[in-house]
């Protein structure tokens, strides 16, 4: 997000010049939800008097949709229109639109019930997760999970006859299912995927190893039974801190004594090692880096002799 900074008058003048648009309107940023409970998104608009729980009409990729204002993004207000945001607030919702917006969850629940009954009647091997209805009623999207491809053509025909609108069936994976259903993570907070994550990054067991986490599946897996998304958050930081550290199990020389590296202490920049006699010692970053330089110098000498 773009933040204003208070430096000197010259800097402020330059910043304003760079962000001015022909209409010179002030752009405000808000956190919004398209349903009372669900994922939050950022939207921009030139209306500055929205309060939490107000309803705004937002431009989306499939047309106008109402959204609930959650909060104003902290300190986000600039002049200009060259600002990136997922959605744009067009105006405040009318009373009629607010009433219709409040009815949407009920209509989606009704569609969910009808679809589930049809699935059971047709004995289809699929599990319905969520139903999304466009505000203008032009389309219904049914999200489901299944172990394999499902022939749902008969199901779609039945649903079109009941709701008299376009129907789309979307098969999703377990991560997206968890994102839609929501829940509380092992950290005690709302799941990242259901609150703010927009995309699922690739997560590997290597990330857990880099952060010295226990490789117990119950400790590093989320509600979706996949590796925790939050393993990606600090991975690059740990990888940077551990760069150059001698690997665990390696023997190092210090003041004429050999020590075997037992564990890394990246947050302190240290390593813990143990001698052949069982003596444990902690080496500072300066010490283990010096060991590395000595080892490399010795290796070069051996190569030259050969």
C-alpha atoms as a PDB file:
ATOM      1  CA  UNK A   1       0.000   0.000   0.000  1.00  0.00           C
ATOM      2  CA  UNK A   2       1.077   3.634  -0.538  1.00  0.00           C
ATOM      3  CA  UNK A   3       1.836   5.688   2.553  1.00  0.00           C
ATOM      4  CA  UNK A   4       2.272   9.427   2.990  1.00  0.00           C
ATOM      5  CA  UNK A   5       5.531  10.509   4.562  1.00  0.00           C
ATOM      6  CA  UNK A   6       6.264  13.785   6.284  1.00  0.00           C
ATOM      7  CA  UNK A   7       9.741  14.914   5.289  1.00  0.00           C
ATOM      8  CA  UNK A   8      10.364  18.466   4.106  1.00  0.00           C
ATOM      9  CA  UNK A   9       8.217  20.757   1.972  1.00  0.00           C
ATOM     10  CA  UNK A  10      10.219  19.983  -1.147  1.00  0.00           C
ATOM     11  CA  UNK A  11       9.678  16.221  -0.799  1.00  0.00           C
ATOM     12  CA  UNK A  12       5.976  16.697  -0.109  1.00  0.00           C
ATOM     13  CA  UNK A  13       5.599  18.846  -3.209  1.00  0.00           C
ATOM     14  CA  UNK A  14       7.317  16.242  -5.372  1.00  0.00           C
ATOM     15  CA  UNK A  15       5.161  13.396  -3.970  1.00  0.00           C
ATOM     16  CA  UNK A  16       1.945  15.336  -4.636  1.00  0.00           C
ATOM     17  CA  UNK A  17       3.075  16.146  -8.142  1.00  0.00           C
ATOM     18  CA  UNK A  18       3.721  12.482  -8.884  1.00  0.00           C
ATOM     19  CA  UNK A  19       0.298  11.277  -7.657  1.00  0.00           C
ATOM     20  CA  UNK A  20      -1.925  14.057  -9.004  1.00  0.00           C
ATOM     21  CA  UNK A  21      -4.609  13.049 -11.452  1.00  0.00           C
ATOM     22  CA  UNK A  22      -6.675  15.319 -13.729  1.00  0.00           C
ATOM     23  CA  UNK A  23      -9.622  15.290 -11.299  1.00  0.00           C
ATOM     24  CA  UNK A  24      -7.278  15.586  -8.270  1.00  0.00           C
ATOM     25  CA  UNK A  25      -9.601  13.439  -6.129  1.00  0.00           C
ATOM     26  CA  UNK A  26      -8.495  11.899  -2.869  1.00  0.00           C
ATOM     27  CA  UNK A  27      -8.334   8.104  -2.966  1.00  0.00           C
ATOM     28  CA  UNK A  28      -9.342   6.211   0.171  1.00  0.00           C
ATOM     29  CA  UNK A  29      -8.757   2.548   0.944  1.00  0.00           C
ATOM     30  CA  UNK A  30     -11.138   0.239   2.787  1.00  0.00           C
ATOM     31  CA  UNK A  31     -11.267  -3.380   3.895  1.00  0.00           C
ATOM     32  CA  UNK A  32     -14.414  -5.004   2.532  1.00  0.00           C
ATOM     33  CA  UNK A  33     -16.279  -8.325   2.623  1.00  0.00           C
ATOM     34  CA  UNK A  34     -18.727  -9.543   0.027  1.00  0.00           C
ATOM     35  CA  UNK A  35     -20.585 -11.513   2.685  1.00  0.00           C
ATOM     36  CA  UNK A  36     -21.030 -10.830   6.431  1.00  0.00           C
ATOM     37  CA  UNK A  37     -18.584 -13.677   7.115  1.00  0.00           C
ATOM     38  CA  UNK A  38     -15.734 -14.363   4.728  1.00  0.00           C
ATOM     39  CA  UNK A  39     -12.463 -13.196   3.286  1.00  0.00           C
ATOM     40  CA  UNK A  40     -11.438  -9.554   3.428  1.00  0.00           C
ATOM     41  CA  UNK A  41     -10.284  -7.590   0.387  1.00  0.00           C
ATOM     42  CA  UNK A  42      -8.911  -4.099  -0.210  1.00  0.00           C
ATOM     43  CA  UNK A  43     -10.955  -1.629  -2.242  1.00  0.00           C
ATOM     44  CA  UNK A  44     -10.294   1.959  -3.223  1.00  0.00           C
ATOM     45  CA  UNK A  45     -12.664   4.851  -3.813  1.00  0.00           C
ATOM     46  CA  UNK A  46     -13.025   8.619  -3.549  1.00  0.00           C
ATOM     47  CA  UNK A  47     -15.806   8.440  -0.928  1.00  0.00           C
ATOM     48  CA  UNK A  48     -14.320   9.261   2.480  1.00  0.00           C
ATOM     49  CA  UNK A  49     -17.232   8.917   4.910  1.00  0.00           C
ATOM     50  CA  UNK A  50     -17.809   5.148   4.973  1.00  0.00           C
ATOM     51  CA  UNK A  51     -18.123   3.640   8.451  1.00  0.00           C
ATOM     52  CA  UNK A  52     -17.848  -0.019   9.513  1.00  0.00           C
ATOM     53  CA  UNK A  53     -20.963  -2.057   8.553  1.00  0.00           C
ATOM     54  CA  UNK A  54     -21.894   0.376   5.756  1.00  0.00           C
ATOM     55  CA  UNK A  55     -22.684  -1.216   2.398  1.00  0.00           C
ATOM     56  CA  UNK A  56     -20.876  -0.070  -0.755  1.00  0.00           C
ATOM     57  CA  UNK A  57     -21.374  -0.934  -4.405  1.00  0.00           C
ATOM     58  CA  UNK A  58     -18.089  -2.304  -5.747  1.00  0.00           C
ATOM     59  CA  UNK A  59     -16.904  -2.919  -9.300  1.00  0.00           C
ATOM     60  CA  UNK A  60     -15.821  -6.549  -9.822  1.00  0.00           C
ATOM     61  CA  UNK A  61     -14.768  -8.533 -12.879  1.00  0.00           C
ATOM     62  CA  UNK A  62     -18.365  -9.655 -13.425  1.00  0.00           C
ATOM     63  CA  UNK A  63     -20.167  -6.406 -12.646  1.00  0.00           C
ATOM     64  CA  UNK A  64     -21.358  -4.445  -9.633  1.00  0.00           C
ATOM     65  CA  UNK A  65     -21.577  -6.240  -6.295  1.00  0.00           C
ATOM     66  CA  UNK A  66     -22.479  -4.956  -2.802  1.00  0.00           C
ATOM     67  CA  UNK A  67     -19.839  -5.275  -0.107  1.00  0.00           C
ATOM     68  CA  UNK A  68     -19.725  -4.689   3.621  1.00  0.00           C
ATOM     69  CA  UNK A  69     -17.231  -2.093   4.843  1.00  0.00           C
ATOM     70  CA  UNK A  70     -15.081  -3.671   7.565  1.00  0.00           C
ATOM     71  CA  UNK A  71     -12.691  -0.790   8.263  1.00  0.00           C
ATOM     72  CA  UNK A  72     -10.673   1.947   6.653  1.00  0.00           C
ATOM     73  CA  UNK A  73      -7.126   0.871   5.877  1.00  0.00           C
ATOM     74  CA  UNK A  74      -4.841   2.583   8.397  1.00  0.00           C
ATOM     75  CA  UNK A  75      -3.564   5.912   7.122  1.00  0.00           C
ATOM     76  CA  UNK A  76      -4.335   5.137   3.487  1.00  0.00           C
ATOM     77  CA  UNK A  77      -5.470   8.256   1.688  1.00  0.00           C
ATOM     78  CA  UNK A  78      -3.635   9.886  -1.200  1.00  0.00           C
ATOM     79  CA  UNK A  79      -4.323  12.140  -4.138  1.00  0.00           C
ATOM     80  CA  UNK A  80      -4.319  10.609  -7.578  1.00  0.00           C
ATOM     81  CA  UNK A  81      -5.768   7.626  -9.412  1.00  0.00           C
ATOM     82  CA  UNK A  82      -2.651   5.577 -10.273  1.00  0.00           C
ATOM     83  CA  UNK A  83      -3.111   3.220  -7.338  1.00  0.00           C
ATOM     84  CA  UNK A  84      -3.480  -0.543  -7.669  1.00  0.00           C
ATOM     85  CA  UNK A  85      -6.322  -2.261  -5.836  1.00  0.00           C
ATOM     86  CA  UNK A  86      -8.345  -5.408  -6.372  1.00  0.00           C
ATOM     87  CA  UNK A  87     -11.689  -3.593  -6.351  1.00  0.00           C
ATOM     88  CA  UNK A  88     -13.033  -0.089  -6.797  1.00  0.00           C
ATOM     89  CA  UNK A  89     -15.874   1.412  -4.741  1.00  0.00           C
ATOM     90  CA  UNK A  90     -18.330   3.134  -7.055  1.00  0.00           C
ATOM     91  CA  UNK A  91     -20.921   4.520  -4.625  1.00  0.00           C
ATOM     92  CA  UNK A  92     -22.975   3.914  -1.518  1.00  0.00           C
ATOM     93  CA  UNK A  93     -25.693   1.286  -1.700  1.00  0.00           C
ATOM     94  CA  UNK A  94     -29.342   2.353  -1.736  1.00  0.00           C
ATOM     95  CA  UNK A  95     -31.838   1.099   0.857  1.00  0.00           C
ATOM     96  CA  UNK A  96     -33.280  -1.350  -1.670  1.00  0.00           C
ATOM     97  CA  UNK A  97     -29.815  -2.674  -2.499  1.00  0.00           C
ATOM     98  CA  UNK A  98     -28.978  -3.096   1.182  1.00  0.00           C
ATOM     99  CA  UNK A  99     -32.156  -5.155   1.728  1.00  0.00           C
ATOM    100  CA  UNK A 100     -31.327  -7.312  -1.291  1.00  0.00           C
ATOM    101  CA  UNK A 101     -27.738  -7.718  -0.065  1.00  0.00           C
ATOM    102  CA  UNK A 102     -28.961  -8.901   3.345  1.00  0.00           C
ATOM    103  CA  UNK A 103     -31.127 -11.512   1.613  1.00  0.00           C
ATOM    104  CA  UNK A 104     -28.230 -12.996  -0.403  1.00  0.00           C
ATOM    105  CA  UNK A 105     -26.920 -15.410   2.302  1.00  0.00           C
ATOM    106  CA  UNK A 106     -30.413 -16.867   2.711  1.00  0.00           C
ATOM    107  CA  UNK A 107     -30.821 -17.351  -1.031  1.00  0.00           C
ATOM    108  CA  UNK A 108     -27.429 -19.056  -1.200  1.00  0.00           C
ATOM    109  CA  UNK A 109     -28.326 -21.375   1.687  1.00  0.00           C
ATOM    110  CA  UNK A 110     -31.577 -22.288  -0.078  1.00  0.00           C
ATOM    111  CA  UNK A 111     -29.659 -23.057  -3.299  1.00  0.00           C
ATOM    112  CA  UNK A 112     -27.172 -25.117  -1.272  1.00  0.00           C
ATOM    113  CA  UNK A 113     -29.989 -27.199   0.213  1.00  0.00           C
ATOM    114  CA  UNK A 114     -31.643 -27.817  -3.170  1.00  0.00           C
ATOM    115  CA  UNK A 115     -28.350 -28.786  -4.814  1.00  0.00           C
ATOM    116  CA  UNK A 116     -27.400 -31.149  -1.983  1.00  0.00           C
ATOM    117  CA  UNK A 117     -30.755 -32.915  -2.302  1.00  0.00           C
ATOM    118  CA  UNK A 118     -30.265 -33.299  -6.076  1.00  0.00           C
ATOM    119  CA  UNK A 119     -26.738 -34.677  -5.546  1.00  0.00           C
ATOM    120  CA  UNK A 120     -28.068 -37.291  -3.128  1.00  0.00           C
ATOM    121  CA  UNK A 121     -30.911 -38.154  -5.494  1.00  0.00           C
ATOM    122  CA  UNK A 122     -28.538 -38.653  -8.428  1.00  0.00           C
ATOM    123  CA  UNK A 123     -26.009 -40.439  -6.164  1.00  0.00           C
ATOM    124  CA  UNK A 124     -23.134 -38.349  -7.448  1.00  0.00           C
ATOM    125  CA  UNK A 125     -19.707 -38.881  -5.767  1.00  0.00           C
ATOM    126  CA  UNK A 126     -19.215 -35.226  -4.846  1.00  0.00           C
ATOM    127  CA  UNK A 127     -19.430 -33.010  -1.789  1.00  0.00           C
ATOM    128  CA  UNK A 128     -20.997 -29.557  -2.068  1.00  0.00           C
ATOM    129  CA  UNK A 129     -18.968 -26.887  -0.266  1.00  0.00           C
ATOM    130  CA  UNK A 130     -20.471 -23.510  -1.034  1.00  0.00           C
ATOM    131  CA  UNK A 131     -22.865 -21.627  -3.296  1.00  0.00           C
ATOM    132  CA  UNK A 132     -22.229 -18.131  -4.623  1.00  0.00           C
ATOM    133  CA  UNK A 133     -25.021 -16.065  -6.155  1.00  0.00           C
ATOM    134  CA  UNK A 134     -24.354 -12.968  -8.247  1.00  0.00           C
ATOM    135  CA  UNK A 135     -26.089  -9.866  -6.920  1.00  0.00           C
ATOM    136  CA  UNK A 136     -28.063  -9.379 -10.139  1.00  0.00           C
ATOM    137  CA  UNK A 137     -29.139 -13.034 -10.090  1.00  0.00           C
ATOM    138  CA  UNK A 138     -27.543 -13.731 -13.476  1.00  0.00           C
ATOM    139  CA  UNK A 139     -25.473 -16.686 -12.258  1.00  0.00           C
ATOM    140  CA  UNK A 140     -25.094 -19.308  -9.538  1.00  0.00           C
ATOM    141  CA  UNK A 141     -21.724 -20.935  -8.843  1.00  0.00           C
ATOM    142  CA  UNK A 142     -21.651 -24.263  -6.980  1.00  0.00           C
ATOM    143  CA  UNK A 143     -18.273 -25.199  -5.464  1.00  0.00           C
ATOM    144  CA  UNK A 144     -17.684 -28.885  -4.736  1.00  0.00           C
ATOM    145  CA  UNK A 145     -14.956 -31.405  -3.952  1.00  0.00           C
ATOM    146  CA  UNK A 146     -14.584 -34.878  -5.433  1.00  0.00           C
ATOM    147  CA  UNK A 147     -11.932 -37.588  -5.657  1.00  0.00           C
ATOM    148  CA  UNK A 148     -12.183 -37.698  -9.455  1.00  0.00           C
ATOM    149  CA  UNK A 149     -14.034 -36.156 -12.371  1.00  0.00           C
ATOM    150  CA  UNK A 150     -17.814 -36.098 -12.003  1.00  0.00           C
ATOM    151  CA  UNK A 151     -20.445 -36.168 -14.738  1.00  0.00           C
ATOM    152  CA  UNK A 152     -22.795 -33.480 -13.399  1.00  0.00           C
ATOM    153  CA  UNK A 153     -24.670 -32.666 -16.622  1.00  0.00           C
ATOM    154  CA  UNK A 154     -27.962 -34.036 -15.302  1.00  0.00           C
ATOM    155  CA  UNK A 155     -27.475 -32.085 -12.077  1.00  0.00           C
ATOM    156  CA  UNK A 156     -26.930 -28.822 -13.969  1.00  0.00           C
ATOM    157  CA  UNK A 157     -30.114 -29.379 -15.988  1.00  0.00           C
ATOM    158  CA  UNK A 158     -32.124 -29.846 -12.786  1.00  0.00           C
ATOM    159  CA  UNK A 159     -30.632 -26.727 -11.171  1.00  0.00           C
ATOM    160  CA  UNK A 160     -31.290 -24.554 -14.234  1.00  0.00           C
ATOM    161  CA  UNK A 161     -34.938 -25.659 -14.236  1.00  0.00           C
ATOM    162  CA  UNK A 162     -35.284 -24.781 -10.547  1.00  0.00           C
ATOM    163  CA  UNK A 163     -33.468 -21.410 -10.465  1.00  0.00           C
ATOM    164  CA  UNK A 164     -33.977 -20.230 -14.055  1.00  0.00           C
ATOM    165  CA  UNK A 165     -30.498 -18.744 -14.324  1.00  0.00           C
ATOM    166  CA  UNK A 166     -27.007 -19.677 -15.452  1.00  0.00           C
ATOM    167  CA  UNK A 167     -25.379 -22.428 -13.366  1.00  0.00           C
ATOM    168  CA  UNK A 168     -21.680 -23.169 -13.082  1.00  0.00           C
ATOM    169  CA  UNK A 169     -20.096 -26.111 -11.259  1.00  0.00           C
ATOM    170  CA  UNK A 170     -16.523 -25.633  -9.976  1.00  0.00           C
ATOM    171  CA  UNK A 171     -14.441 -28.455  -8.555  1.00  0.00           C
ATOM    172  CA  UNK A 172     -11.983 -27.254  -5.897  1.00  0.00           C
ATOM    173  CA  UNK A 173      -9.207 -28.800  -3.814  1.00  0.00           C
ATOM    174  CA  UNK A 174      -9.027 -29.310  -0.069  1.00  0.00           C
ATOM    175  CA  UNK A 175      -7.155 -26.041   0.495  1.00  0.00           C
ATOM    176  CA  UNK A 176      -9.855 -23.997  -1.217  1.00  0.00           C
ATOM    177  CA  UNK A 177     -12.485 -25.971   0.677  1.00  0.00           C
ATOM    178  CA  UNK A 178     -10.874 -24.993   3.984  1.00  0.00           C
ATOM    179  CA  UNK A 179     -10.588 -21.404   2.768  1.00  0.00           C
ATOM    180  CA  UNK A 180     -14.336 -21.292   2.147  1.00  0.00           C
ATOM    181  CA  UNK A 181     -15.469 -23.077   5.314  1.00  0.00           C
ATOM    182  CA  UNK A 182     -13.020 -21.205   7.584  1.00  0.00           C
ATOM    183  CA  UNK A 183     -11.905 -22.133  11.078  1.00  0.00           C
ATOM    184  CA  UNK A 184      -9.339 -21.513  13.795  1.00  0.00           C
ATOM    185  CA  UNK A 185      -5.703 -22.483  13.273  1.00  0.00           C
ATOM    186  CA  UNK A 186      -3.321 -24.054  15.830  1.00  0.00           C
ATOM    187  CA  UNK A 187      -2.101 -20.526  16.611  1.00  0.00           C
ATOM    188  CA  UNK A 188      -5.559 -19.642  17.963  1.00  0.00           C
ATOM    189  CA  UNK A 189      -6.306 -17.135  15.191  1.00  0.00           C
ATOM    190  CA  UNK A 190      -8.638 -17.250  12.203  1.00  0.00           C
ATOM    191  CA  UNK A 191      -7.172 -19.264   9.341  1.00  0.00           C
ATOM    192  CA  UNK A 192      -4.893 -17.205   7.080  1.00  0.00           C
ATOM    193  CA  UNK A 193      -6.539 -18.603   3.953  1.00  0.00           C
ATOM    194  CA  UNK A 194     -10.029 -17.589   5.058  1.00  0.00           C
ATOM    195  CA  UNK A 195      -9.025 -14.123   6.278  1.00  0.00           C
ATOM    196  CA  UNK A 196      -6.416 -12.560   3.981  1.00  0.00           C
ATOM    197  CA  UNK A 197      -4.492 -14.992   1.740  1.00  0.00           C
ATOM    198  CA  UNK A 198      -5.382 -14.463  -1.924  1.00  0.00           C
ATOM    199  CA  UNK A 199      -3.155 -17.134  -3.475  1.00  0.00           C
ATOM    200  CA  UNK A 200      -1.775 -20.454  -2.253  1.00  0.00           C
ATOM    201  CA  UNK A 201       2.005 -20.601  -2.523  1.00  0.00           C
ATOM    202  CA  UNK A 202       3.892 -23.865  -2.844  1.00  0.00           C
ATOM    203  CA  UNK A 203       4.827 -25.263   0.597  1.00  0.00           C
ATOM    204  CA  UNK A 204       7.444 -27.987   1.097  1.00  0.00           C
ATOM    205  CA  UNK A 205       8.807 -30.012   4.009  1.00  0.00           C
ATOM    206  CA  UNK A 206      12.140 -28.280   3.315  1.00  0.00           C
ATOM    207  CA  UNK A 207      10.669 -25.091   4.785  1.00  0.00           C
ATOM    208  CA  UNK A 208       9.880 -26.830   8.071  1.00  0.00           C
ATOM    209  CA  UNK A 209      13.391 -28.311   8.222  1.00  0.00           C
ATOM    210  CA  UNK A 210      14.961 -24.906   7.569  1.00  0.00           C
ATOM    211  CA  UNK A 211      13.062 -23.468  10.559  1.00  0.00           C
ATOM    212  CA  UNK A 212      14.010 -26.422  12.815  1.00  0.00           C
ATOM    213  CA  UNK A 213      10.366 -27.333  13.341  1.00  0.00           C
ATOM    214  CA  UNK A 214       9.306 -30.820  14.508  1.00  0.00           C
ATOM    215  CA  UNK A 215       8.518 -32.964  11.474  1.00  0.00           C
ATOM    216  CA  UNK A 216       5.410 -34.329  13.136  1.00  0.00           C
ATOM    217  CA  UNK A 217       2.524 -34.096  10.613  1.00  0.00           C
ATOM    218  CA  UNK A 218       0.089 -33.048  13.347  1.00  0.00           C
ATOM    219  CA  UNK A 219       2.358 -30.100  14.214  1.00  0.00           C
ATOM    220  CA  UNK A 220       3.024 -28.722  10.752  1.00  0.00           C
ATOM    221  CA  UNK A 221      -0.280 -29.492   8.989  1.00  0.00           C
ATOM    222  CA  UNK A 222      -3.375 -27.312   8.848  1.00  0.00           C
ATOM    223  CA  UNK A 223      -7.080 -28.140   8.968  1.00  0.00           C
ATOM    224  CA  UNK A 224      -6.857 -29.087   5.287  1.00  0.00           C
ATOM    225  CA  UNK A 225      -4.291 -31.808   6.171  1.00  0.00           C
ATOM    226  CA  UNK A 226      -1.751 -30.024   3.994  1.00  0.00           C
ATOM    227  CA  UNK A 227       1.437 -28.300   5.155  1.00  0.00           C
ATOM    228  CA  UNK A 228       0.747 -25.019   6.965  1.00  0.00           C
ATOM    229  CA  UNK A 229       0.716 -21.992   4.660  1.00  0.00           C
ATOM    230  CA  UNK A 230       2.519 -19.975   7.350  1.00  0.00           C
ATOM    231  CA  UNK A 231       5.658 -22.092   6.824  1.00  0.00           C
ATOM    232  CA  UNK A 232       6.368 -19.756   3.903  1.00  0.00           C
ATOM    233  CA  UNK A 233       6.286 -16.574   5.988  1.00  0.00           C
ATOM    234  CA  UNK A 234       9.676 -16.884   7.711  1.00  0.00           C
ATOM    235  CA  UNK A 235      11.367 -19.359   5.392  1.00  0.00           C
ATOM    236  CA  UNK A 236      13.408 -16.756   3.499  1.00  0.00           C
ATOM    237  CA  UNK A 237      14.435 -15.122   6.772  1.00  0.00           C
ATOM    238  CA  UNK A 238      15.717 -18.389   8.234  1.00  0.00           C
ATOM    239  CA  UNK A 239      17.461 -19.285   4.999  1.00  0.00           C
ATOM    240  CA  UNK A 240      19.236 -15.922   5.050  1.00  0.00           C
ATOM    241  CA  UNK A 241      20.243 -16.290   8.723  1.00  0.00           C
ATOM    242  CA  UNK A 242      21.574 -19.810   8.180  1.00  0.00           C
ATOM    243  CA  UNK A 243      23.534 -18.930   5.078  1.00  0.00           C
ATOM    244  CA  UNK A 244      27.154 -19.978   5.592  1.00  0.00           C
ATOM    245  CA  UNK A 245      26.510 -21.931   8.789  1.00  0.00           C
ATOM    246  CA  UNK A 246      28.286 -25.329   8.896  1.00  0.00           C
ATOM    247  CA  UNK A 247      25.724 -28.082   8.427  1.00  0.00           C
ATOM    248  CA  UNK A 248      24.558 -30.149  11.364  1.00  0.00           C
ATOM    249  CA  UNK A 249      26.786 -33.211  11.847  1.00  0.00           C
ATOM    250  CA  UNK A 250      29.855 -31.575  10.360  1.00  0.00           C
ATOM    251  CA  UNK A 251      33.151 -31.565  12.296  1.00  0.00           C
ATOM    252  CA  UNK A 252      34.833 -28.182  12.794  1.00  0.00           C
ATOM    253  CA  UNK A 253      38.189 -27.199  14.287  1.00  0.00           C
ATOM    254  CA  UNK A 254      38.525 -24.555  17.003  1.00  0.00           C
ATOM    255  CA  UNK A 255      41.760 -23.845  18.871  1.00  0.00           C
ATOM    256  CA  UNK A 256      43.107 -27.306  18.073  1.00  0.00           C
ATOM    257  CA  UNK A 257      39.974 -29.176  19.183  1.00  0.00           C
ATOM    258  CA  UNK A 258      37.430 -30.903  16.938  1.00  0.00           C
ATOM    259  CA  UNK A 259      33.743 -30.229  17.497  1.00  0.00           C
ATOM    260  CA  UNK A 260      30.670 -31.760  15.889  1.00  0.00           C
ATOM    261  CA  UNK A 261      27.878 -29.302  15.008  1.00  0.00           C
ATOM    262  CA  UNK A 262      24.731 -30.321  16.923  1.00  0.00           C
ATOM    263  CA  UNK A 263      22.220 -27.569  16.129  1.00  0.00           C
ATOM    264  CA  UNK A 264      21.821 -24.086  14.724  1.00  0.00           C
ATOM    265  CA  UNK A 265      20.666 -21.045  16.703  1.00  0.00           C
ATOM    266  CA  UNK A 266      19.830 -18.731  13.771  1.00  0.00           C
ATOM    267  CA  UNK A 267      17.969 -16.093  15.777  1.00  0.00           C
ATOM    268  CA  UNK A 268      21.172 -15.518  17.763  1.00  0.00           C
ATOM    269  CA  UNK A 269      23.533 -16.128  14.864  1.00  0.00           C
ATOM    270  CA  UNK A 270      25.214 -18.973  16.757  1.00  0.00           C
ATOM    271  CA  UNK A 271      25.819 -22.718  16.461  1.00  0.00           C
ATOM    272  CA  UNK A 272      25.965 -25.343  19.227  1.00  0.00           C
ATOM    273  CA  UNK A 273      28.681 -28.010  18.948  1.00  0.00           C
ATOM    274  CA  UNK A 274      30.089 -30.897  20.994  1.00  0.00           C
ATOM    275  CA  UNK A 275      33.626 -32.208  21.293  1.00  0.00           C
ATOM    276  CA  UNK A 276      34.627 -35.903  21.195  1.00  0.00           C
ATOM    277  CA  UNK A 277      34.861 -35.808  24.995  1.00  0.00           C
ATOM    278  CA  UNK A 278      31.233 -34.638  25.269  1.00  0.00           C
ATOM    279  CA  UNK A 279      31.991 -30.988  26.040  1.00  0.00           C
ATOM    280  CA  UNK A 280      29.334 -28.649  24.610  1.00  0.00           C
ATOM    281  CA  UNK A 281      30.185 -25.179  23.390  1.00  0.00           C
ATOM    282  CA  UNK A 282      28.314 -22.393  21.597  1.00  0.00           C
ATOM    283  CA  UNK A 283      30.145 -20.526  18.845  1.00  0.00           C
ATOM    284  CA  UNK A 284      29.323 -16.963  17.923  1.00  0.00           C
ATOM    285  CA  UNK A 285      28.814 -15.920  14.312  1.00  0.00           C
ATOM    286  CA  UNK A 286      32.279 -14.362  14.223  1.00  0.00           C
ATOM    287  CA  UNK A 287      33.846 -17.609  15.452  1.00  0.00           C
ATOM    288  CA  UNK A 288      32.117 -20.026  13.063  1.00  0.00           C
ATOM    289  CA  UNK A 289      32.709 -17.728  10.104  1.00  0.00           C
ATOM    290  CA  UNK A 290      36.404 -17.617  11.023  1.00  0.00           C
ATOM    291  CA  UNK A 291      36.405 -21.455  11.128  1.00  0.00           C
ATOM    292  CA  UNK A 292      34.982 -21.462   7.618  1.00  0.00           C
ATOM    293  CA  UNK A 293      37.681 -19.113   6.338  1.00  0.00           C
ATOM    294  CA  UNK A 294      40.426 -21.243   7.901  1.00  0.00           C
ATOM    295  CA  UNK A 295      38.897 -24.421   6.435  1.00  0.00           C
ATOM    296  CA  UNK A 296      38.699 -22.906   2.948  1.00  0.00           C
ATOM    297  CA  UNK A 297      42.274 -21.637   3.163  1.00  0.00           C
ATOM    298  CA  UNK A 298      43.491 -25.101   4.214  1.00  0.00           C
ATOM    299  CA  UNK A 299      41.579 -26.731   1.371  1.00  0.00           C
ATOM    300  CA  UNK A 300      43.193 -24.383  -1.164  1.00  0.00           C
ATOM    301  CA  UNK A 301      46.663 -25.221   0.153  1.00  0.00           C
ATOM    302  CA  UNK A 302      45.974 -28.954  -0.227  1.00  0.00           C
ATOM    303  CA  UNK A 303      44.798 -28.441  -3.796  1.00  0.00           C
ATOM    304  CA  UNK A 304      47.975 -26.484  -4.636  1.00  0.00           C
ATOM    305  CA  UNK A 305      50.212 -29.235  -3.176  1.00  0.00           C
ATOM    306  CA  UNK A 306      48.530 -31.816  -5.389  1.00  0.00           C
END
